[in-house]
Amino acid sequence: MPSKARIRLWSTNIDNLNFVVNQIKTMAQKTGIQIRGPIPLPTTRMEVPIMRLPHGEGKKKWEHWEMKIHKRIIDITADERVMRQLMRVRVPDDVYIEIQLI
C-alpha cells in the first residue's frame, strides 16, 4: 500500500505559487496517481503602518505597507517513482515547499 505525501506550499507571489501547483498537478495526471487539492488556505496579511517623513509640526502622515502570504496544500499518494519526479519540479526562489510523508 503506497503512503501519502502532504505538500505545503506558500509564497508572497500568487503567480509563481500557481505555476508550481500546476506543475505538480500535471505531473500527477501523467503518472496517474491520486491527488487531492490544491486546497487554498486563508491568506495571511501583514500590515505595517509607518509615519511618513518629514511630518514636522503639522499633521502626521502614515504609509501602510502590506505583505500577503498565500498558502496551498496538496495531498498525493506517493511511491518512490512519484517522489523522484516531484523533486524535479522547478520551484522559483520566492515559493517555499514542504513535503511531509503521512
PDB file of N, CA and C in Angstrom:
ATOM      1  N   MET A   1       0.843  -1.183   0.000  1.00  0.00           N
ATOM      2  CA  MET A   1       0.000   0.000   0.000  1.00  0.00           C
ATOM      3  C   MET A   1       0.890   1.248   0.000  1.00  0.00           C
ATOM      4  N   PRO A   2       0.725   2.119  -1.006  1.00  0.00           N
ATOM      5  CA  PRO A   2       1.566   3.312  -1.060  1.00  0.00           C
ATOM      6  C   PRO A   2       1.211   4.303   0.046  1.00  0.00           C
ATOM      7  N   SER A   3       2.229   5.014   0.492  1.00  0.00           N
ATOM      8  CA  SER A   3       1.993   6.011   1.532  1.00  0.00           C
ATOM      9  C   SER A   3       1.482   7.302   0.895  1.00  0.00           C
ATOM     10  N   LYS A   4       1.126   8.245   1.745  1.00  0.00           N
ATOM     11  CA  LYS A   4       0.630   9.524   1.258  1.00  0.00           C
ATOM     12  C   LYS A   4       1.630  10.607   1.593  1.00  0.00           C
ATOM     13  N   ALA A   5       1.642  11.627   0.764  1.00  0.00           N
ATOM     14  CA  ALA A   5       2.511  12.780   0.993  1.00  0.00           C
ATOM     15  C   ALA A   5       1.651  14.032   1.018  1.00  0.00           C
ATOM     16  N   ARG A   6       1.924  14.886   1.979  1.00  0.00           N
ATOM     17  CA  ARG A   6       1.244  16.183   2.066  1.00  0.00           C
ATOM     18  C   ARG A   6       2.252  17.254   1.683  1.00  0.00           C
ATOM     19  N   ILE A   7       1.900  18.019   0.655  1.00  0.00           N
ATOM     20  CA  ILE A   7       2.779  19.067   0.147  1.00  0.00           C
ATOM     21  C   ILE A   7       2.193  20.405   0.573  1.00  0.00           C
ATOM     22  N   ARG A   8       2.977  21.183   1.305  1.00  0.00           N
ATOM     23  CA  ARG A   8       2.563  22.521   1.719  1.00  0.00           C
ATOM     24  C   ARG A   8       3.375  23.524   0.921  1.00  0.00           C
ATOM     25  N   LEU A   9       2.689  24.470   0.310  1.00  0.00           N
ATOM     26  CA  LEU A   9       3.346  25.499  -0.483  1.00  0.00           C
ATOM     27  C   LEU A   9       2.902  26.860   0.032  1.00  0.00           C
ATOM     28  N   TRP A  10       3.846  27.810   0.099  1.00  0.00           N
ATOM     29  CA  TRP A  10       3.470  29.177   0.438  1.00  0.00           C
ATOM     30  C   TRP A  10       4.397  30.146  -0.251  1.00  0.00           C
ATOM     31  N   SER A  11       3.841  31.338  -0.561  1.00  0.00           N
ATOM     32  CA  SER A  11       4.604  32.343  -1.288  1.00  0.00           C
ATOM     33  C   SER A  11       3.918  33.702  -1.163  1.00  0.00           C
ATOM     34  N   THR A  12       4.698  34.750  -1.409  1.00  0.00           N
ATOM     35  CA  THR A  12       4.121  36.090  -1.465  1.00  0.00           C
ATOM     36  C   THR A  12       3.688  36.430  -2.888  1.00  0.00           C
ATOM     37  N   ASN A  13       4.118  35.655  -3.864  1.00  0.00           N
ATOM     38  CA  ASN A  13       3.771  35.875  -5.265  1.00  0.00           C
ATOM     39  C   ASN A  13       2.791  34.790  -5.704  1.00  0.00           C
ATOM     40  N   ILE A  14       1.539  35.175  -5.945  1.00  0.00           N
ATOM     41  CA  ILE A  14       0.487  34.201  -6.269  1.00  0.00           C
ATOM     42  C   ILE A  14       0.722  33.545  -7.632  1.00  0.00           C
ATOM     43  N   ASP A  15       1.305  34.270  -8.579  1.00  0.00           N
ATOM     44  CA  ASP A  15       1.527  33.704  -9.912  1.00  0.00           C
ATOM     45  C   ASP A  15       2.557  32.576  -9.877  1.00  0.00           C
ATOM     46  N   ASN A  16       3.651  32.787  -9.153  1.00  0.00           N
ATOM     47  CA  ASN A  16       4.660  31.738  -9.034  1.00  0.00           C
ATOM     48  C   ASN A  16       4.119  30.536  -8.260  1.00  0.00           C
ATOM     49  N   LEU A  17       3.283  30.792  -7.257  1.00  0.00           N
ATOM     50  CA  LEU A  17       2.684  29.699  -6.482  1.00  0.00           C
ATOM     51  C   LEU A  17       1.780  28.855  -7.373  1.00  0.00           C
ATOM     52  N   ASN A  18       0.936  29.499  -8.171  1.00  0.00           N
ATOM     53  CA  ASN A  18       0.048  28.769  -9.074  1.00  0.00           C
ATOM     54  C   ASN A  18       0.835  28.021 -10.149  1.00  0.00           C
ATOM     55  N   PHE A  19       1.979  28.555 -10.574  1.00  0.00           N
ATOM     56  CA  PHE A  19       2.836  27.878 -11.550  1.00  0.00           C
ATOM     57  C   PHE A  19       3.342  26.551 -10.993  1.00  0.00           C
ATOM     58  N   VAL A  20       3.800  26.545  -9.749  1.00  0.00           N
ATOM     59  CA  VAL A  20       4.312  25.320  -9.127  1.00  0.00           C
ATOM     60  C   VAL A  20       3.175  24.324  -8.902  1.00  0.00           C
ATOM     61  N   VAL A  21       2.013  24.821  -8.452  1.00  0.00           N
ATOM     62  CA  VAL A  21       0.849  23.949  -8.223  1.00  0.00           C
ATOM     63  C   VAL A  21       0.429  23.276  -9.529  1.00  0.00           C
ATOM     64  N   ASN A  22       0.417  24.022 -10.624  1.00  0.00           N
ATOM     65  CA  ASN A  22       0.039  23.440 -11.914  1.00  0.00           C
ATOM     66  C   ASN A  22       1.060  22.413 -12.386  1.00  0.00           C
ATOM     67  N   GLN A  23       2.331  22.624 -12.104  1.00  0.00           N
ATOM     68  CA  GLN A  23       3.354  21.631 -12.444  1.00  0.00           C
ATOM     69  C   GLN A  23       3.118  20.328 -11.684  1.00  0.00           C
ATOM     70  N   ILE A  24       2.789  20.435 -10.400  1.00  0.00           N
ATOM     71  CA  ILE A  24       2.542  19.237  -9.581  1.00  0.00           C
ATOM     72  C   ILE A  24       1.291  18.513 -10.076  1.00  0.00           C
ATOM     73  N   LYS A  25       0.250  19.280 -10.434  1.00  0.00           N
ATOM     74  CA  LYS A  25      -0.986  18.663 -10.926  1.00  0.00           C
ATOM     75  C   LYS A  25      -0.767  17.928 -12.245  1.00  0.00           C
ATOM     76  N   THR A  26      -0.020  18.531 -13.173  1.00  0.00           N
ATOM     77  CA  THR A  26       0.217  17.853 -14.455  1.00  0.00           C
ATOM     78  C   THR A  26       1.096  16.621 -14.276  1.00  0.00           C
ATOM     79  N   MET A  27       2.058  16.685 -13.348  1.00  0.00           N
ATOM     80  CA  MET A  27       2.902  15.528 -13.067  1.00  0.00           C
ATOM     81  C   MET A  27       2.047  14.396 -12.491  1.00  0.00           C
ATOM     82  N   ALA A  28       1.106  14.730 -11.620  1.00  0.00           N
ATOM     83  CA  ALA A  28       0.248  13.708 -11.025  1.00  0.00           C
ATOM     84  C   ALA A  28      -0.693  13.098 -12.058  1.00  0.00           C
ATOM     85  N   GLN A  29      -1.196  13.912 -12.976  1.00  0.00           N
ATOM     86  CA  GLN A  29      -2.092  13.396 -14.005  1.00  0.00           C
ATOM     87  C   GLN A  29      -1.352  12.492 -14.988  1.00  0.00           C
ATOM     88  N   LYS A  30      -0.084  12.823 -15.314  1.00  0.00           N
ATOM     89  CA  LYS A  30       0.690  12.000 -16.239  1.00  0.00           C
ATOM     90  C   LYS A  30       1.024  10.643 -15.629  1.00  0.00           C
ATOM     91  N   THR A  31       1.334  10.618 -14.326  1.00  0.00           N
ATOM     92  CA  THR A  31       1.688   9.349 -13.688  1.00  0.00           C
ATOM     93  C   THR A  31       0.457   8.560 -13.260  1.00  0.00           C
ATOM     94  N   GLY A  32      -0.704   9.210 -13.213  1.00  0.00           N
ATOM     95  CA  GLY A  32      -1.933   8.515 -12.873  1.00  0.00           C
ATOM     96  C   GLY A  32      -2.125   8.266 -11.386  1.00  0.00           C
ATOM     97  N   ILE A  33      -1.500   9.057 -10.553  1.00  0.00           N
ATOM     98  CA  ILE A  33      -1.673   8.891  -9.107  1.00  0.00           C
ATOM     99  C   ILE A  33      -2.868   9.707  -8.631  1.00  0.00           C
ATOM    100  N   GLN A  34      -3.343   9.353  -7.453  1.00  0.00           N
ATOM    101  CA  GLN A  34      -4.488  10.044  -6.875  1.00  0.00           C
ATOM    102  C   GLN A  34      -4.009  11.337  -6.222  1.00  0.00           C
ATOM    103  N   ILE A  35      -4.703  12.436  -6.525  1.00  0.00           N
ATOM    104  CA  ILE A  35      -4.330  13.746  -5.990  1.00  0.00           C
ATOM    105  C   ILE A  35      -5.561  14.389  -5.360  1.00  0.00           C
ATOM    106  N   ARG A  36      -5.330  15.076  -4.265  1.00  0.00           N
ATOM    107  CA  ARG A  36      -6.411  15.790  -3.591  1.00  0.00           C
ATOM    108  C   ARG A  36      -5.927  17.215  -3.372  1.00  0.00           C
ATOM    109  N   GLY A  37      -6.567  18.158  -4.026  1.00  0.00           N
ATOM    110  CA  GLY A  37      -6.174  19.550  -3.870  1.00  0.00           C
ATOM    111  C   GLY A  37      -5.934  20.172  -5.230  1.00  0.00           C
ATOM    112  N   PRO A  38      -5.384  21.330  -5.293  1.00  0.00           N
ATOM    113  CA  PRO A  38      -4.826  22.156  -4.226  1.00  0.00           C
ATOM    114  C   PRO A  38      -5.910  22.795  -3.366  1.00  0.00           C
ATOM    115  N   ILE A  39      -5.721  22.736  -2.082  1.00  0.00           N
ATOM    116  CA  ILE A  39      -6.648  23.315  -1.123  1.00  0.00           C
ATOM    117  C   ILE A  39      -6.096  24.676  -0.707  1.00  0.00           C
ATOM    118  N   PRO A  40      -6.799  25.763  -1.048  1.00  0.00           N
ATOM    119  CA  PRO A  40      -6.299  27.081  -0.643  1.00  0.00           C
ATOM    120  C   PRO A  40      -6.569  27.338   0.832  1.00  0.00           C
ATOM    121  N   LEU A  41      -5.547  27.759   1.546  1.00  0.00           N
ATOM    122  CA  LEU A  41      -5.679  28.137   2.944  1.00  0.00           C
ATOM    123  C   LEU A  41      -5.868  29.647   3.023  1.00  0.00           C
ATOM    124  N   PRO A  42      -6.368  30.158   4.149  1.00  0.00           N
ATOM    125  CA  PRO A  42      -6.564  31.612   4.256  1.00  0.00           C
ATOM    126  C   PRO A  42      -5.249  32.378   4.055  1.00  0.00           C
ATOM    127  N   THR A  43      -5.354  33.492   3.364  1.00  0.00           N
ATOM    128  CA  THR A  43      -4.191  34.335   3.093  1.00  0.00           C
ATOM    129  C   THR A  43      -3.839  35.137   4.335  1.00  0.00           C
ATOM    130  N   THR A  44      -2.581  35.057   4.741  1.00  0.00           N
ATOM    131  CA  THR A  44      -2.095  35.826   5.876  1.00  0.00           C
ATOM    132  C   THR A  44      -1.715  37.211   5.380  1.00  0.00           C
ATOM    133  N   ARG A  45      -2.224  38.235   6.036  1.00  0.00           N
ATOM    134  CA  ARG A  45      -1.962  39.613   5.623  1.00  0.00           C
ATOM    135  C   ARG A  45      -1.233  40.333   6.742  1.00  0.00           C
ATOM    136  N   MET A  46      -0.014  40.774   6.466  1.00  0.00           N
ATOM    137  CA  MET A  46       0.763  41.501   7.459  1.00  0.00           C
ATOM    138  C   MET A  46       0.831  42.962   7.027  1.00  0.00           C
ATOM    139  N   GLU A  47       0.385  43.865   7.888  1.00  0.00           N
ATOM    140  CA  GLU A  47       0.372  45.292   7.571  1.00  0.00           C
ATOM    141  C   GLU A  47       1.259  46.037   8.559  1.00  0.00           C
ATOM    142  N   VAL A  48       2.083  46.956   8.037  1.00  0.00           N
ATOM    143  CA  VAL A  48       2.989  47.738   8.870  1.00  0.00           C
ATOM    144  C   VAL A  48       2.721  49.220   8.591  1.00  0.00           C
ATOM    145  N   PRO A  49       2.154  49.961   9.569  1.00  0.00           N
ATOM    146  CA  PRO A  49       1.987  51.406   9.368  1.00  0.00           C
ATOM    147  C   PRO A  49       3.292  52.135   9.717  1.00  0.00           C
ATOM    148  N   ILE A  50       3.721  53.031   8.833  1.00  0.00           N
ATOM    149  CA  ILE A  50       4.961  53.776   9.028  1.00  0.00           C
ATOM    150  C   ILE A  50       4.648  55.259   8.885  1.00  0.00           C
ATOM    151  N   MET A  51       5.164  56.079   9.822  1.00  0.00           N
ATOM    152  CA  MET A  51       4.963  57.508   9.734  1.00  0.00           C
ATOM    153  C   MET A  51       5.854  58.064   8.636  1.00  0.00           C
ATOM    154  N   ARG A  52       5.238  58.831   7.720  1.00  0.00           N
ATOM    155  CA  ARG A  52       5.967  59.365   6.583  1.00  0.00           C
ATOM    156  C   ARG A  52       6.768  60.593   7.004  1.00  0.00           C
ATOM    157  N   LEU A  53       7.993  60.654   6.585  1.00  0.00           N
ATOM    158  CA  LEU A  53       8.847  61.791   6.916  1.00  0.00           C
ATOM    159  C   LEU A  53       8.830  62.798   5.774  1.00  0.00           C
ATOM    160  N   PRO A  54       9.014  64.092   5.964  1.00  0.00           N
ATOM    161  CA  PRO A  54       9.040  64.731   7.275  1.00  0.00           C
ATOM    162  C   PRO A  54       7.623  65.041   7.733  1.00  0.00           C
ATOM    163  N   HIS A  55       7.299  64.732   8.965  1.00  0.00           N
ATOM    164  CA  HIS A  55       5.970  65.033   9.479  1.00  0.00           C
ATOM    165  C   HIS A  55       5.966  66.334  10.272  1.00  0.00           C
ATOM    166  N   GLY A  56       7.119  66.819  10.725  1.00  0.00           N
ATOM    167  CA  GLY A  56       7.253  68.151  11.330  1.00  0.00           C
ATOM    168  C   GLY A  56       6.246  68.421  12.429  1.00  0.00           C
ATOM    169  N   GLU A  57       5.719  69.627  12.453  1.00  0.00           N
ATOM    170  CA  GLU A  57       4.781  70.047  13.499  1.00  0.00           C
ATOM    171  C   GLU A  57       3.328  69.902  13.064  1.00  0.00           C
ATOM    172  N   GLY A  58       3.089  69.657  11.786  1.00  0.00           N
ATOM    173  CA  GLY A  58       1.716  69.626  11.280  1.00  0.00           C
ATOM    174  C   GLY A  58       1.065  68.273  11.449  1.00  0.00           C
ATOM    175  N   LYS A  59       0.260  67.894  10.453  1.00  0.00           N
ATOM    176  CA  LYS A  59      -0.441  66.618  10.501  1.00  0.00           C
ATOM    177  C   LYS A  59       0.539  65.459  10.364  1.00  0.00           C
ATOM    178  N   LYS A  60       0.188  64.376  10.969  1.00  0.00           N
ATOM    179  CA  LYS A  60       1.002  63.170  10.828  1.00  0.00           C
ATOM    180  C   LYS A  60       0.494  62.392   9.621  1.00  0.00           C
ATOM    181  N   LYS A  61       1.392  62.061   8.738  1.00  0.00           N
ATOM    182  CA  LYS A  61       1.056  61.296   7.543  1.00  0.00           C
ATOM    183  C   LYS A  61       1.573  59.879   7.714  1.00  0.00           C
ATOM    184  N   TRP A  62       0.746  58.905   7.346  1.00  0.00           N
ATOM    185  CA  TRP A  62       1.104  57.499   7.508  1.00  0.00           C
ATOM    186  C   TRP A  62       1.121  56.803   6.157  1.00  0.00           C
ATOM    187  N   GLU A  63       2.085  55.910   5.989  1.00  0.00           N
ATOM    188  CA  GLU A  63       2.107  54.984   4.864  1.00  0.00           C
ATOM    189  C   GLU A  63       1.817  53.596   5.407  1.00  0.00           C
ATOM    190  N   HIS A  64       1.111  52.805   4.631  1.00  0.00           N
ATOM    191  CA  HIS A  64       0.798  51.439   5.056  1.00  0.00           C
ATOM    192  C   HIS A  64       1.438  50.471   4.074  1.00  0.00           C
ATOM    193  N   TRP A  65       2.339  49.644   4.573  1.00  0.00           N
ATOM    194  CA  TRP A  65       2.977  48.597   3.787  1.00  0.00           C
ATOM    195  C   TRP A  65       2.325  47.278   4.171  1.00  0.00           C
ATOM    196  N   GLU A  66       2.036  46.460   3.174  1.00  0.00           N
ATOM    197  CA  GLU A  66       1.445  45.166   3.489  1.00  0.00           C
ATOM    198  C   GLU A  66       2.074  44.066   2.650  1.00  0.00           C
ATOM    199  N   MET A  67       2.076  42.882   3.225  1.00  0.00           N
ATOM    200  CA  MET A  67       2.593  41.698   2.540  1.00  0.00           C
ATOM    201  C   MET A  67       1.580  40.577   2.740  1.00  0.00           C
ATOM    202  N   LYS A  68       1.202  39.936   1.644  1.00  0.00           N
ATOM    203  CA  LYS A  68       0.260  38.828   1.711  1.00  0.00           C
ATOM    204  C   LYS A  68       1.002  37.525   1.466  1.00  0.00           C
ATOM    205  N   ILE A  69       0.688  36.516   2.274  1.00  0.00           N
ATOM    206  CA  ILE A  69       1.296  35.195   2.125  1.00  0.00           C
ATOM    207  C   ILE A  69       0.187  34.221   1.733  1.00  0.00           C
ATOM    208  N   HIS A  70       0.300  33.676   0.538  1.00  0.00           N
ATOM    209  CA  HIS A  70      -0.694  32.746   0.004  1.00  0.00           C
ATOM    210  C   HIS A  70      -0.217  31.321   0.271  1.00  0.00           C
ATOM    211  N   LYS A  71      -1.164  30.429   0.647  1.00  0.00           N
ATOM    212  CA  LYS A  71      -0.794  29.053   1.009  1.00  0.00           C
ATOM    213  C   LYS A  71      -1.696  28.053   0.291  1.00  0.00           C
ATOM    214  N   ARG A  72      -1.121  26.892  -0.028  1.00  0.00           N
ATOM    215  CA  ARG A  72      -1.859  25.784  -0.640  1.00  0.00           C
ATOM    216  C   ARG A  72      -1.391  24.474  -0.014  1.00  0.00           C
ATOM    217  N   ILE A  73      -2.311  23.490   0.017  1.00  0.00           N
ATOM    218  CA  ILE A  73      -1.984  22.135   0.469  1.00  0.00           C
ATOM    219  C   ILE A  73      -2.429  21.158  -0.618  1.00  0.00           C
ATOM    220  N   ILE A  74      -1.554  20.198  -0.912  1.00  0.00           N
ATOM    221  CA  ILE A  74      -1.863  19.151  -1.887  1.00  0.00           C
ATOM    222  C   ILE A  74      -1.546  17.814  -1.234  1.00  0.00           C
ATOM    223  N   ASP A  75      -2.477  16.862  -1.304  1.00  0.00           N
ATOM    224  CA  ASP A  75      -2.258  15.503  -0.814  1.00  0.00           C
ATOM    225  C   ASP A  75      -2.167  14.570  -2.022  1.00  0.00           C
ATOM    226  N   ILE A  76      -1.111  13.756  -2.069  1.00  0.00           N
ATOM    227  CA  ILE A  76      -0.943  12.802  -3.165  1.00  0.00           C
ATOM    228  C   ILE A  76      -0.555  11.449  -2.575  1.00  0.00           C
ATOM    229  N   THR A  77      -0.873  10.386  -3.334  1.00  0.00           N
ATOM    230  CA  THR A  77      -0.358   9.069  -2.966  1.00  0.00           C
ATOM    231  C   THR A  77       1.061   8.994  -3.502  1.00  0.00           C
ATOM    232  N   ALA A  78       1.997   8.583  -2.655  1.00  0.00           N
ATOM    233  CA  ALA A  78       3.410   8.699  -3.010  1.00  0.00           C
ATOM    234  C   ALA A  78       4.087   7.339  -3.002  1.00  0.00           C
ATOM    235  N   ASP A  79       4.796   7.062  -4.073  1.00  0.00           N
ATOM    236  CA  ASP A  79       5.740   5.959  -4.097  1.00  0.00           C
ATOM    237  C   ASP A  79       7.083   6.539  -4.539  1.00  0.00           C
ATOM    238  N   GLU A  80       8.075   5.691  -4.676  1.00  0.00           N
ATOM    239  CA  GLU A  80       9.421   6.191  -4.960  1.00  0.00           C
ATOM    240  C   GLU A  80       9.505   6.908  -6.309  1.00  0.00           C
ATOM    241  N   ARG A  81       8.796   6.386  -7.288  1.00  0.00           N
ATOM    242  CA  ARG A  81       8.823   6.974  -8.630  1.00  0.00           C
ATOM    243  C   ARG A  81       8.228   8.382  -8.634  1.00  0.00           C
ATOM    244  N   VAL A  82       7.120   8.551  -7.931  1.00  0.00           N
ATOM    245  CA  VAL A  82       6.455   9.849  -7.872  1.00  0.00           C
ATOM    246  C   VAL A  82       7.301  10.856  -7.101  1.00  0.00           C
ATOM    247  N   MET A  83       7.916  10.420  -6.015  1.00  0.00           N
ATOM    248  CA  MET A  83       8.738  11.335  -5.223  1.00  0.00           C
ATOM    249  C   MET A  83       9.956  11.820  -6.010  1.00  0.00           C
ATOM    250  N   ARG A  84      10.525  10.969  -6.842  1.00  0.00           N
ATOM    251  CA  ARG A  84      11.661  11.404  -7.673  1.00  0.00           C
ATOM    252  C   ARG A  84      11.228  12.455  -8.680  1.00  0.00           C
ATOM    253  N   GLN A  85      10.063  12.267  -9.273  1.00  0.00           N
ATOM    254  CA  GLN A  85       9.558  13.264 -10.218  1.00  0.00           C
ATOM    255  C   GLN A  85       9.189  14.558  -9.498  1.00  0.00           C
ATOM    256  N   LEU A  86       8.707  14.436  -8.274  1.00  0.00           N
ATOM    257  CA  LEU A  86       8.349  15.623  -7.503  1.00  0.00           C
ATOM    258  C   LEU A  86       9.571  16.469  -7.167  1.00  0.00           C
ATOM    259  N   MET A  87      10.702  15.808  -6.966  1.00  0.00           N
ATOM    260  CA  MET A  87      11.937  16.544  -6.669  1.00  0.00           C
ATOM    261  C   MET A  87      12.460  17.307  -7.890  1.00  0.00           C
ATOM    262  N   ARG A  88      12.012  16.938  -9.075  1.00  0.00           N
ATOM    263  CA  ARG A  88      12.455  17.609 -10.302  1.00  0.00           C
ATOM    264  C   ARG A  88      11.593  18.799 -10.678  1.00  0.00           C
ATOM    265  N   VAL A  89      10.537  19.061  -9.936  1.00  0.00           N
ATOM    266  CA  VAL A  89       9.665  20.195 -10.233  1.00  0.00           C
ATOM    267  C   VAL A  89      10.442  21.485 -10.014  1.00  0.00           C
ATOM    268  N   ARG A  90      10.371  22.394 -10.996  1.00  0.00           N
ATOM    269  CA  ARG A  90      11.075  23.672 -10.887  1.00  0.00           C
ATOM    270  C   ARG A  90      10.323  24.590  -9.930  1.00  0.00           C
ATOM    271  N   VAL A  91      11.013  25.013  -8.880  1.00  0.00           N
ATOM    272  CA  VAL A  91      10.409  25.875  -7.860  1.00  0.00           C
ATOM    273  C   VAL A  91      11.143  27.219  -7.869  1.00  0.00           C
ATOM    274  N   PRO A  92      10.437  28.343  -8.120  1.00  0.00           N
ATOM    275  CA  PRO A  92      11.084  29.657  -8.066  1.00  0.00           C
ATOM    276  C   PRO A  92      11.589  29.978  -6.658  1.00  0.00           C
ATOM    277  N   ASP A  93      12.438  31.003  -6.568  1.00  0.00           N
ATOM    278  CA  ASP A  93      13.069  31.346  -5.294  1.00  0.00           C
ATOM    279  C   ASP A  93      12.079  31.824  -4.238  1.00  0.00           C
ATOM    280  N   ASP A  94      10.972  32.451  -4.648  1.00  0.00           N
ATOM    281  CA  ASP A  94      10.059  33.005  -3.655  1.00  0.00           C
ATOM    282  C   ASP A  94       8.912  32.051  -3.293  1.00  0.00           C
ATOM    283  N   VAL A  95       8.975  30.806  -3.744  1.00  0.00           N
ATOM    284  CA  VAL A  95       7.980  29.797  -3.375  1.00  0.00           C
ATOM    285  C   VAL A  95       8.647  28.792  -2.434  1.00  0.00           C
ATOM    286  N   TYR A  96       8.030  28.566  -1.306  1.00  0.00           N
ATOM    287  CA  TYR A  96       8.573  27.634  -0.306  1.00  0.00           C
ATOM    288  C   TYR A  96       7.716  26.382  -0.325  1.00  0.00           C
ATOM    289  N   ILE A  97       8.373  25.239  -0.260  1.00  0.00           N
ATOM    290  CA  ILE A  97       7.678  23.958  -0.351  1.00  0.00           C
ATOM    291  C   ILE A  97       8.138  23.059   0.788  1.00  0.00           C
ATOM    292  N   GLU A  98       7.177  22.335   1.352  1.00  0.00           N
ATOM    293  CA  GLU A  98       7.457  21.405   2.448  1.00  0.00           C
ATOM    294  C   GLU A  98       6.698  20.119   2.143  1.00  0.00           C
ATOM    295  N   ILE A  99       7.411  18.992   2.153  1.00  0.00           N
ATOM    296  CA  ILE A  99       6.809  17.691   1.851  1.00  0.00           C
ATOM    297  C   ILE A  99       6.861  16.845   3.108  1.00  0.00           C
ATOM    298  N   GLN A 100       5.705  16.325   3.491  1.00  0.00           N
ATOM    299  CA  GLN A 100       5.601  15.508   4.701  1.00  0.00           C
ATOM    300  C   GLN A 100       4.946  14.180   4.331  1.00  0.00           C
ATOM    301  N   LEU A 101       5.604  13.068   4.690  1.00  0.00           N
ATOM    302  CA  LEU A 101       5.024  11.750   4.432  1.00  0.00           C
ATOM    303  C   LEU A 101       4.100  11.403   5.602  1.00  0.00           C
ATOM    304  N   ILE A 102       2.881  11.001   5.255  1.00  0.00           N
ATOM    305  CA  ILE A 102       1.881  10.683   6.281  1.00  0.00           C
ATOM    306  C   ILE A 102       1.739   9.174   6.374  1.00  0.00           C
TER     307      ILE A 102
END
